[in-house]
Amino acid sequence: ARRVGCRCSIMTSSMLLQLLQLQFLIAIVAADKLLHAQIVIRHSDRAPSRMFTSPEAAALFPRGLAEITNAGLRHAYQEGVVYRQRYHELGLLSERKSSNDVYVRSSPVSRVLHSASAFSLAFVDSPLKTTTLPIIHTTATSPDDHVLLTHDSLRFRCEVLRHHNMTVNLLSSNPCDTVPVKAAIVRSYPDCAAYNYSMVEAAIAELADPRVKLDAALEKCARDDGHKVEYRAICSSAGADTDFSLTRLRENVGALMDIVSGNVDDVVKKDTVQSTTVEDIVARMKIGSAPIRIYYTHDYNLLGVAQALGVIGEFRRRNPDFSSALIIETWKTINGYQTRVLMKDGVANPFKSISDFSIHEFKKQIAPYVVSSDEILRNENSVVYSFAQFMRDVGPDLPDNFPISALRDLSFSTKPAAWPLGALMLLAVCSVVLTVFVAVRHRRRESYISMD
């Protein structure tokens, strides 16, 4: 009997120890809380930007060169669903998803605006049932945008030519033209050497549409070495990797990195301030409340951000696929606040965690690339791109199987809706009744005060 009791006691102690260990592990997991996510994402599938490989291929892209395709719209929406599911499961999105959960900014280029619109629609419960449709923040023109666009630089073009040991001619009609650099890059890959850079770029873009038929040699180039050609050509314009230029990268992504850094600071500050005084509550309300901030941009800028974050090697010297993204998440853990960098390389690949930083380490990593965005944001001509404009731009061409194709039948107007006469009369009567009610209450209150 004693042995049995002893054995039971040992088993009970063992089970208790395991239970305590389990509770400890649960406590550790529970201590990790996602506070904020910033998504820097390349636009979705588009037509070739400079030329088509053939007239037959051109007929498959009715919106024209460099414009988003129907497949691109569908993929952007599907990616929005994937991100929504991730951040709903992690508790960052509210149960009833709305446009208040996300802040979206896009470069003013049409294919990027259309990608951002289709993506952000996935964050609302049902576009057909709600009026809280997402608004895309952007600028009026491309020259206005110094956050999500890469601008031409004569100085850097000349620097690239010197880096590649090529002649710099400032007296030509197009000084420091980098076409020879791209031609040399193409020639360095035997499978692509027979084509010019524009043809390689066109073939890669067209292959996203399964209806396109390329000749075998061009298709081989586009599926493999073509992505390496694009990567090197874009790095030569962005100042990244083998053409590294800190000055160019600061021009390219400095303001964006300042915004990203500021958002991290705001999130930590908002979470740290626990006071319930009116002043502190107001201060917290002034800090951006959207838990997810999305920045829709181009491959140049995405590679620049990758360089600033120290993760450019994750692209394996291949150009980012359409819809590729880098995600900067801010977490509260038992070890303090942390920034985690994730990657999603296109539609076909899952989320991949690639780097963890303490807040101090994160700020130190990006510090050389940061340029103050205050003056840029203050002087830019900012506008909004509405869902109504998106439907006017692409709605008539949406395929029947597009997730929100039913919206094409809705009528949108930029003018305020006219109120029926009966409704206006009812509103006027209600206003009069309310005014009389307030006046009577006020008079009674004065009589009570005089009696005191």
Protein backbone atom coordinates (compact mmCIF):
# COMPACT_ATOMS: atom_id res chain seq x y z
CA ALA A 1 0.00 0.00 0.00
CA ARG A 2 2.85 2.33 0.84
CA ARG A 3 4.54 1.59 -2.49
CA VAL A 4 1.33 2.37 -4.38
CA GLY A 5 0.90 5.60 -2.51
CA CYS A 6 4.50 6.55 -3.16
CA ARG A 7 4.15 5.75 -6.84
CA CYS A 8 0.98 7.87 -7.03
CA SER A 9 2.77 10.70 -5.25
CA ILE A 10 5.65 10.55 -7.75
CA MET A 11 3.21 10.49 -10.68
CA THR A 12 1.28 13.41 -9.21
CA SER A 13 4.48 15.41 -8.75
CA SER A 14 5.57 14.63 -12.31
CA MET A 15 2.20 15.68 -13.71
CA LEU A 16 2.28 18.84 -11.62
CA LEU A 17 5.75 19.68 -12.94
CA GLN A 18 4.60 19.14 -16.53
CA LEU A 19 1.54 21.30 -15.90
CA LEU A 20 3.70 24.09 -14.52
CA GLN A 21 6.01 23.83 -17.54
CA LEU A 22 3.01 24.00 -19.86
CA GLN A 23 1.65 27.04 -18.05
CA PHE A 24 5.07 28.66 -18.29
CA LEU A 25 5.20 28.05 -22.04
CA ILE A 26 1.68 29.38 -22.47
CA ALA A 27 2.65 32.49 -20.51
CA ILE A 28 5.65 33.06 -22.80
CA VAL A 29 3.55 32.68 -25.93
CA ALA A 30 0.81 34.89 -24.50
CA ALA A 31 3.38 37.56 -23.69
CA ASP A 32 4.18 38.05 -27.39
CA LYS A 33 1.68 40.52 -28.80
CA LEU A 34 1.68 41.94 -32.32
CA LEU A 35 1.11 45.70 -32.16
CA HIS A 36 1.60 46.91 -35.72
CA ALA A 37 2.48 45.84 -39.26
CA GLN A 38 3.91 47.86 -42.14
CA ILE A 39 3.77 46.27 -45.59
CA VAL A 40 5.98 47.56 -48.41
CA ILE A 41 4.70 45.79 -51.50
CA ARG A 42 5.33 45.78 -55.22
CA HIS A 43 2.37 46.27 -57.56
CA SER A 44 0.62 43.26 -59.07
CA ASP A 45 0.92 41.76 -62.58
CA ARG A 46 1.18 44.30 -65.39
CA ALA A 47 1.73 44.38 -69.12
CA PRO A 48 5.30 44.93 -70.42
CA SER A 49 6.46 48.48 -69.77
CA ARG A 50 8.24 49.32 -73.07
CA MET A 51 7.21 46.90 -75.82
CA PHE A 52 5.36 43.66 -76.55
CA THR A 53 7.09 40.59 -77.89
CA SER A 54 4.58 40.31 -80.77
CA PRO A 55 1.29 41.77 -82.09
CA GLU A 56 -0.45 38.61 -80.89
CA ALA A 57 0.81 39.21 -77.35
CA ALA A 58 -0.21 42.87 -77.50
CA ALA A 59 -3.81 41.86 -78.20
CA LEU A 60 -3.93 40.06 -74.84
CA PHE A 61 -3.23 43.26 -72.90
CA PRO A 62 -6.08 45.64 -73.85
CA ARG A 63 -5.21 48.28 -71.25
CA GLY A 64 -1.86 48.84 -72.95
CA LEU A 65 1.79 48.99 -71.97
CA ALA A 66 2.67 49.05 -68.27
CA GLU A 67 -0.97 48.81 -67.17
CA ILE A 68 -2.35 46.29 -64.70
CA THR A 69 -3.89 43.10 -66.07
CA ASN A 70 -7.07 41.34 -64.96
CA ALA A 71 -4.86 38.61 -63.51
CA GLY A 72 -3.04 41.34 -61.61
CA LEU A 73 -6.28 42.68 -60.15
CA ARG A 74 -7.34 39.19 -59.14
CA HIS A 75 -3.96 38.42 -57.57
CA ALA A 76 -3.93 41.72 -55.66
CA TYR A 77 -7.36 40.95 -54.20
CA GLN A 78 -6.32 37.39 -53.33
CA GLU A 79 -3.18 38.66 -51.62
CA GLY A 80 -5.32 41.06 -49.62
CA VAL A 81 -7.34 38.09 -48.39
CA VAL A 82 -4.13 36.25 -47.39
CA TYR A 83 -2.84 39.24 -45.41
CA ARG A 84 -6.25 39.81 -43.84
CA GLN A 85 -6.36 36.21 -42.62
CA ARG A 86 -2.86 36.45 -41.15
CA TYR A 87 -3.53 39.63 -39.20
CA HIS A 88 -6.99 38.59 -38.11
CA GLU A 89 -5.54 35.37 -36.66
CA LEU A 90 -2.80 37.37 -34.91
CA GLY A 91 -5.41 39.68 -33.37
CA LEU A 92 -4.35 42.83 -35.21
CA LEU A 93 -7.59 43.24 -37.18
CA SER A 94 -10.95 43.76 -35.54
CA GLU A 95 -13.67 41.13 -35.87
CA ARG A 96 -15.55 43.33 -38.29
CA LYS A 97 -12.87 44.41 -40.70
CA SER A 98 -13.17 47.96 -42.01
CA SER A 99 -11.15 50.67 -43.70
CA ASN A 100 -10.25 52.00 -40.23
CA ASP A 101 -7.99 48.98 -39.75
CA VAL A 102 -5.71 49.92 -42.63
CA TYR A 103 -3.90 52.96 -43.95
CA VAL A 104 -2.91 52.63 -47.59
CA ARG A 105 -0.52 54.82 -49.54
CA SER A 106 0.38 54.23 -53.18
CA SER A 107 2.63 55.76 -55.77
CA PRO A 108 0.49 57.76 -58.26
CA VAL A 109 1.22 55.37 -61.14
CA SER A 110 -2.03 53.80 -62.36
CA ARG A 111 -0.98 50.13 -62.10
CA VAL A 112 0.10 50.71 -58.51
CA LEU A 113 -3.10 52.55 -57.58
CA HIS A 114 -5.19 49.75 -59.09
CA SER A 115 -3.17 47.10 -57.23
CA ALA A 116 -3.56 48.97 -53.95
CA SER A 117 -7.32 49.34 -54.45
CA ALA A 118 -7.94 45.66 -55.21
CA PHE A 119 -5.68 44.59 -52.32
CA SER A 120 -7.25 46.86 -49.72
CA LEU A 121 -10.80 45.86 -50.67
CA ALA A 122 -10.09 42.49 -49.10
CA PHE A 123 -9.86 44.17 -45.69
CA VAL A 124 -13.57 45.06 -45.57
CA ASP A 125 -16.26 42.51 -44.76
CA SER A 126 -18.24 43.01 -47.96
CA PRO A 127 -17.78 45.86 -50.44
CA LEU A 128 -21.47 45.47 -51.32
CA LYS A 129 -22.75 45.99 -47.76
CA THR A 130 -20.56 48.69 -46.28
CA THR A 131 -19.78 52.31 -46.99
CA THR A 132 -16.42 52.17 -45.21
CA LEU A 133 -14.53 51.46 -48.41
CA PRO A 134 -10.77 51.99 -48.36
CA ILE A 135 -9.22 55.26 -49.47
CA ILE A 136 -5.85 55.19 -51.18
CA HIS A 137 -3.56 58.07 -50.25
CA THR A 138 -1.30 59.24 -53.07
CA THR A 139 0.02 62.35 -54.79
CA ALA A 140 -1.42 64.32 -57.69
CA THR A 141 1.50 63.60 -60.03
CA SER A 142 4.61 61.45 -60.15
CA PRO A 143 7.02 64.40 -59.59
CA ASP A 144 5.20 65.08 -56.31
CA ASP A 145 5.99 61.64 -54.87
CA HIS A 146 9.36 61.36 -53.15
CA VAL A 147 8.31 58.49 -50.88
CA LEU A 148 7.30 55.61 -53.16
CA LEU A 149 8.86 56.53 -56.51
CA THR A 150 12.42 56.43 -57.79
CA HIS A 151 13.33 59.57 -59.75
CA ASP A 152 15.92 59.94 -62.46
CA SER A 153 19.32 61.29 -61.43
CA LEU A 154 21.88 62.46 -63.98
CA ARG A 155 24.58 62.42 -61.32
CA PHE A 156 23.90 58.80 -60.45
CA ARG A 157 23.61 57.70 -64.10
CA CYS A 158 27.08 59.07 -64.71
CA GLU A 159 28.28 57.33 -61.55
CA VAL A 160 26.88 54.02 -62.83
CA LEU A 161 28.73 54.41 -66.15
CA ARG A 162 31.99 55.05 -64.32
CA HIS A 163 31.36 52.05 -62.06
CA HIS A 164 30.99 49.86 -65.17
CA ASN A 165 34.07 51.43 -66.83
CA MET A 166 32.05 53.07 -69.60
CA THR A 167 32.53 56.44 -71.28
CA VAL A 168 30.74 59.40 -69.71
CA ASN A 169 29.53 61.87 -72.34
CA LEU A 170 27.81 64.91 -70.88
CA LEU A 171 27.47 66.60 -74.28
CA SER A 172 25.22 64.02 -75.94
CA SER A 173 21.47 64.51 -76.37
CA ASN A 174 20.92 61.98 -73.58
CA PRO A 175 23.94 62.38 -71.30
CA CYS A 176 25.03 59.37 -69.29
CA ASP A 177 22.46 57.10 -70.91
CA THR A 178 22.57 53.73 -69.11
CA VAL A 179 21.31 51.66 -72.07
CA PRO A 180 24.89 50.38 -72.66
CA VAL A 181 25.00 49.15 -69.05
CA LYS A 182 21.80 47.16 -69.51
CA ALA A 183 23.06 45.78 -72.83
CA ALA A 184 26.26 44.59 -71.16
CA ILE A 185 24.25 42.95 -68.38
CA VAL A 186 22.10 41.06 -70.92
CA ARG A 187 25.18 39.89 -72.85
CA SER A 188 26.66 38.41 -69.68
CA TYR A 189 23.89 35.76 -69.61
CA PRO A 190 24.19 33.39 -72.63
CA ASP A 191 20.52 32.37 -72.62
CA CYS A 192 19.47 36.02 -72.99
CA ALA A 193 22.37 37.41 -75.04
CA ALA A 194 20.43 37.35 -78.33
CA TYR A 195 17.86 39.89 -77.08
CA ASN A 196 17.86 43.49 -75.95
CA TYR A 197 16.84 44.44 -72.42
CA SER A 198 13.35 45.64 -73.38
CA MET A 199 12.58 42.29 -75.04
CA VAL A 200 13.73 40.38 -71.94
CA GLU A 201 11.58 42.57 -69.69
CA ALA A 202 8.59 42.15 -72.02
CA ALA A 203 8.90 38.36 -72.07
CA ILE A 204 9.03 38.16 -68.27
CA ALA A 205 5.90 40.30 -67.91
CA GLU A 206 3.99 38.41 -70.62
CA LEU A 207 4.74 35.00 -69.10
CA ALA A 208 2.48 35.92 -66.19
CA ASP A 209 -0.39 35.35 -68.66
CA PRO A 210 -0.68 31.64 -69.58
CA ARG A 211 -2.23 32.56 -72.94
CA VAL A 212 1.04 34.05 -74.19
CA LYS A 213 3.14 31.83 -76.46
CA LEU A 214 6.83 32.67 -76.74
CA ASP A 215 9.45 30.95 -78.84
CA ALA A 216 11.39 28.36 -76.84
CA ALA A 217 14.65 30.33 -76.58
CA LEU A 218 13.01 33.55 -75.39
CA GLU A 219 10.86 31.64 -72.91
CA LYS A 220 13.94 29.93 -71.47
CA CYS A 221 15.59 33.32 -70.99
CA ALA A 222 12.47 34.80 -69.37
CA ARG A 223 11.94 31.94 -66.94
CA ASP A 224 15.47 31.86 -65.54
CA ASP A 225 18.32 34.24 -66.36
CA GLY A 226 15.93 37.01 -67.35
CA HIS A 227 15.06 37.59 -63.69
CA LYS A 228 18.77 37.96 -62.91
CA VAL A 229 19.12 40.44 -65.77
CA GLU A 230 16.24 42.51 -64.41
CA TYR A 231 17.66 42.39 -60.90
CA ARG A 232 21.06 43.72 -61.92
CA ALA A 233 19.55 46.37 -64.17
CA ILE A 234 17.25 47.62 -61.42
CA CYS A 235 20.05 47.61 -58.85
CA SER A 236 22.07 49.76 -61.24
CA SER A 237 19.27 52.35 -61.12
CA ALA A 238 18.36 51.99 -57.45
CA GLY A 239 21.90 52.04 -56.04
CA ALA A 240 21.54 48.61 -54.46
CA ASP A 241 23.71 45.50 -54.08
CA THR A 242 26.55 45.38 -56.65
CA ASP A 243 25.86 49.02 -57.63
CA PHE A 244 25.60 50.13 -54.00
CA SER A 245 25.40 53.87 -53.48
CA LEU A 246 24.31 55.19 -50.09
CA THR A 247 23.56 58.60 -51.60
CA ARG A 248 21.29 57.06 -54.24
CA LEU A 249 19.54 54.81 -51.71
CA ARG A 250 18.83 57.81 -49.48
CA GLU A 251 17.29 59.54 -52.50
CA ASN A 252 15.36 56.40 -53.33
CA VAL A 253 13.95 55.20 -49.99
CA GLY A 254 15.21 57.65 -47.35
CA ALA A 255 11.84 59.33 -46.75
CA LEU A 256 10.00 56.00 -46.67
CA MET A 257 12.44 54.58 -44.11
CA ASP A 258 11.93 57.70 -41.99
CA ILE A 259 8.16 57.13 -42.08
CA VAL A 260 8.58 53.45 -41.20
CA SER A 261 10.89 54.34 -38.32
CA GLY A 262 8.49 57.02 -37.06
CA ASN A 263 5.59 54.58 -37.16
CA VAL A 264 7.54 52.13 -34.98
CA ASP A 265 8.28 54.93 -32.50
CA ASP A 266 4.61 55.95 -32.41
CA VAL A 267 3.41 52.40 -31.80
CA VAL A 268 5.81 51.88 -28.90
CA LYS A 269 4.92 55.27 -27.44
CA LYS A 270 1.21 54.57 -27.72
CA ASP A 271 1.60 51.19 -26.03
CA THR A 272 3.90 52.56 -23.32
CA VAL A 273 1.66 55.42 -22.20
CA GLN A 274 -0.83 53.75 -19.84
CA SER A 275 -2.14 56.84 -18.05
CA THR A 276 -5.89 57.44 -18.17
CA THR A 277 -5.72 61.22 -17.87
CA VAL A 278 -7.53 63.21 -20.52
CA GLU A 279 -4.25 64.66 -21.80
CA ASP A 280 -2.65 61.24 -22.29
CA ILE A 281 -5.76 59.79 -23.91
CA VAL A 282 -5.83 62.69 -26.37
CA ALA A 283 -2.10 62.22 -27.03
CA ARG A 284 -2.63 58.53 -27.82
CA MET A 285 -5.52 59.37 -30.14
CA LYS A 286 -3.28 61.71 -32.14
CA ILE A 287 -0.93 58.84 -32.94
CA GLY A 288 -1.94 56.95 -36.09
CA SER A 289 -4.49 54.34 -35.08
CA ALA A 290 -4.48 52.03 -38.12
CA PRO A 291 -2.74 48.82 -37.00
CA ILE A 292 -1.78 47.97 -40.59
CA ARG A 293 -0.05 50.45 -42.88
CA ILE A 294 0.43 49.48 -46.51
CA TYR A 295 2.84 51.15 -48.94
CA TYR A 296 2.32 50.13 -52.57
CA THR A 297 5.37 50.81 -54.70
CA HIS A 298 7.75 49.49 -57.40
CA ASP A 299 10.57 46.95 -57.59
CA TYR A 300 13.23 49.70 -57.44
CA ASN A 301 11.92 50.88 -54.09
CA LEU A 302 11.33 47.39 -52.71
CA LEU A 303 14.97 46.46 -53.38
CA GLY A 304 16.04 49.74 -51.78
CA VAL A 305 14.07 48.90 -48.63
CA ALA A 306 15.60 45.40 -48.64
CA GLN A 307 19.07 46.98 -48.77
CA ALA A 308 18.23 49.32 -45.89
CA LEU A 309 16.91 46.43 -43.78
CA GLY A 310 19.99 44.32 -44.55
CA VAL A 311 17.96 41.52 -46.17
CA ILE A 312 18.54 42.07 -49.89
CA GLY A 313 20.28 38.68 -50.14
CA GLU A 314 16.89 37.02 -49.59
CA PHE A 315 15.98 37.82 -53.21
CA ARG A 316 18.88 35.61 -54.40
CA ARG A 317 19.80 38.22 -57.03
CA ARG A 318 16.51 37.75 -58.84
CA ASN A 319 14.09 40.60 -59.37
CA PRO A 320 11.14 40.55 -56.94
CA ASP A 321 8.05 38.93 -58.43
CA PHE A 322 4.85 40.92 -58.84
CA SER A 323 3.16 41.42 -55.43
CA SER A 324 6.40 40.67 -53.54
CA ALA A 325 6.55 42.38 -50.15
CA LEU A 326 8.66 43.10 -47.10
CA ILE A 327 6.74 43.36 -43.84
CA ILE A 328 7.97 45.19 -40.74
CA GLU A 329 6.08 43.98 -37.67
CA THR A 330 6.34 45.55 -34.20
CA TRP A 331 5.89 43.06 -31.34
CA LYS A 332 5.69 43.37 -27.57
CA THR A 333 7.53 40.44 -25.99
CA ILE A 334 8.83 39.41 -22.58
CA ASN A 335 12.20 40.77 -23.72
CA GLY A 336 10.78 44.15 -24.66
CA TYR A 337 9.67 45.60 -27.97
CA GLN A 338 10.97 43.92 -31.12
CA THR A 339 10.82 44.49 -34.85
CA ARG A 340 10.48 41.42 -37.04
CA VAL A 341 11.02 41.51 -40.79
CA LEU A 342 9.10 39.08 -42.98
CA MET A 343 9.16 38.48 -46.70
CA LYS A 344 6.47 37.29 -49.09
CA ASP A 345 8.03 36.72 -52.49
CA GLY A 346 5.07 36.97 -54.84
CA VAL A 347 1.67 35.31 -54.87
CA ALA A 348 2.88 31.69 -54.85
CA ASN A 349 5.11 31.86 -51.76
CA PRO A 350 4.15 31.93 -48.05
CA PHE A 351 5.23 34.42 -45.40
CA LYS A 352 8.85 33.90 -44.37
CA SER A 353 10.44 35.38 -41.25
CA ILE A 354 13.90 36.65 -42.21
CA SER A 355 15.15 38.93 -39.44
CA ASP A 356 14.52 39.93 -35.80
CA PHE A 357 15.68 43.18 -34.22
CA SER A 358 15.33 44.88 -30.89
CA ILE A 359 14.00 48.40 -31.44
CA HIS A 360 17.50 49.77 -30.82
CA GLU A 361 19.06 47.36 -33.33
CA PHE A 362 16.39 48.17 -35.90
CA LYS A 363 16.98 51.92 -35.61
CA LYS A 364 20.74 51.38 -35.85
CA GLN A 365 20.35 49.19 -38.98
CA ILE A 366 18.29 51.71 -40.96
CA ALA A 367 19.86 54.92 -39.60
CA PRO A 368 22.33 55.45 -42.51
CA TYR A 369 19.47 55.33 -45.03
CA VAL A 370 16.96 57.60 -43.28
CA VAL A 371 16.20 61.06 -44.64
CA SER A 372 13.76 63.36 -42.81
CA SER A 373 10.35 63.15 -44.45
CA ASP A 374 8.87 66.22 -42.72
CA GLU A 375 9.52 68.72 -45.49
CA ILE A 376 8.68 66.19 -48.22
CA LEU A 377 5.29 65.40 -46.69
CA ARG A 378 4.60 69.05 -45.95
CA ASN A 379 5.22 70.18 -49.52
CA GLU A 380 3.80 67.29 -51.53
CA ASN A 381 0.49 67.70 -53.35
CA SER A 382 -1.37 64.86 -51.65
CA VAL A 383 -4.71 63.55 -52.92
CA VAL A 384 -6.86 60.47 -52.41
CA TYR A 385 -7.73 57.81 -54.94
CA SER A 386 -11.25 56.63 -54.21
CA PHE A 387 -12.96 53.34 -54.80
CA ALA A 388 -15.37 55.15 -57.12
CA GLN A 389 -12.43 56.26 -59.29
CA PHE A 390 -11.02 52.73 -59.26
CA MET A 391 -14.31 51.34 -60.58
CA ARG A 392 -14.45 54.01 -63.28
CA ASP A 393 -10.89 53.15 -64.32
CA VAL A 394 -11.06 49.36 -64.41
CA GLY A 395 -14.66 48.34 -63.67
CA PRO A 396 -15.88 48.05 -67.28
CA ASP A 397 -13.05 45.64 -68.10
CA LEU A 398 -13.34 43.36 -65.06
CA PRO A 399 -13.83 39.67 -65.86
CA ASP A 400 -16.92 37.90 -64.56
CA ASN A 401 -14.86 35.74 -62.19
CA PHE A 402 -13.24 38.72 -60.48
CA PRO A 403 -14.18 38.67 -56.76
CA ILE A 404 -15.81 42.11 -56.86
CA SER A 405 -17.12 42.11 -60.42
CA ALA A 406 -20.66 42.62 -59.10
CA LEU A 407 -19.64 46.14 -58.17
CA ARG A 408 -19.46 47.15 -61.82
CA ASP A 409 -23.26 47.55 -61.78
CA LEU A 410 -23.27 50.02 -58.90
CA SER A 411 -23.48 53.67 -59.82
CA PHE A 412 -20.92 55.94 -58.20
CA SER A 413 -20.94 59.69 -58.26
CA THR A 414 -18.52 62.27 -56.96
CA LYS A 415 -21.49 64.62 -56.30
CA PRO A 416 -23.34 64.44 -52.98
CA ALA A 417 -26.58 62.50 -53.18
CA ALA A 418 -29.73 64.64 -53.47
CA TRP A 419 -32.03 64.47 -50.46
CA PRO A 420 -35.72 63.84 -51.16
CA LEU A 421 -37.98 66.82 -50.36
CA GLY A 422 -39.88 64.84 -47.72
CA ALA A 423 -36.67 63.95 -45.93
CA LEU A 424 -35.56 67.60 -45.90
CA MET A 425 -38.93 68.70 -44.45
CA LEU A 426 -38.72 66.01 -41.74
CA LEU A 427 -35.19 67.13 -40.89
CA ALA A 428 -36.35 70.75 -40.58
CA VAL A 429 -39.23 69.78 -38.25
CA CYS A 430 -36.86 67.73 -36.08
CA SER A 431 -34.47 70.67 -35.86
CA VAL A 432 -37.26 73.01 -34.69
CA VAL A 433 -38.48 70.51 -32.08
CA LEU A 434 -34.93 70.00 -30.79
CA THR A 435 -34.37 73.77 -30.55
CA VAL A 436 -37.59 74.27 -28.55
CA PHE A 437 -36.70 71.33 -26.26
CA VAL A 438 -33.25 72.74 -25.50
CA ALA A 439 -34.67 76.22 -24.84
CA VAL A 440 -37.27 74.87 -22.37
CA ARG A 441 -34.63 72.80 -20.54
CA HIS A 442 -32.36 75.83 -20.32
CA ARG A 443 -35.17 78.03 -18.91
CA ARG A 444 -36.04 75.40 -16.28
CA ARG A 445 -32.39 75.09 -15.29
CA GLU A 446 -32.16 78.88 -14.78
CA SER A 447 -35.24 78.80 -12.55
CA TYR A 448 -33.68 76.02 -10.43
CA ILE A 449 -30.48 78.05 -10.05
CA SER A 450 -32.40 81.18 -8.95
CA MET A 451 -34.30 79.13 -6.36
CA ASP A 452 -31.01 77.96 -4.84
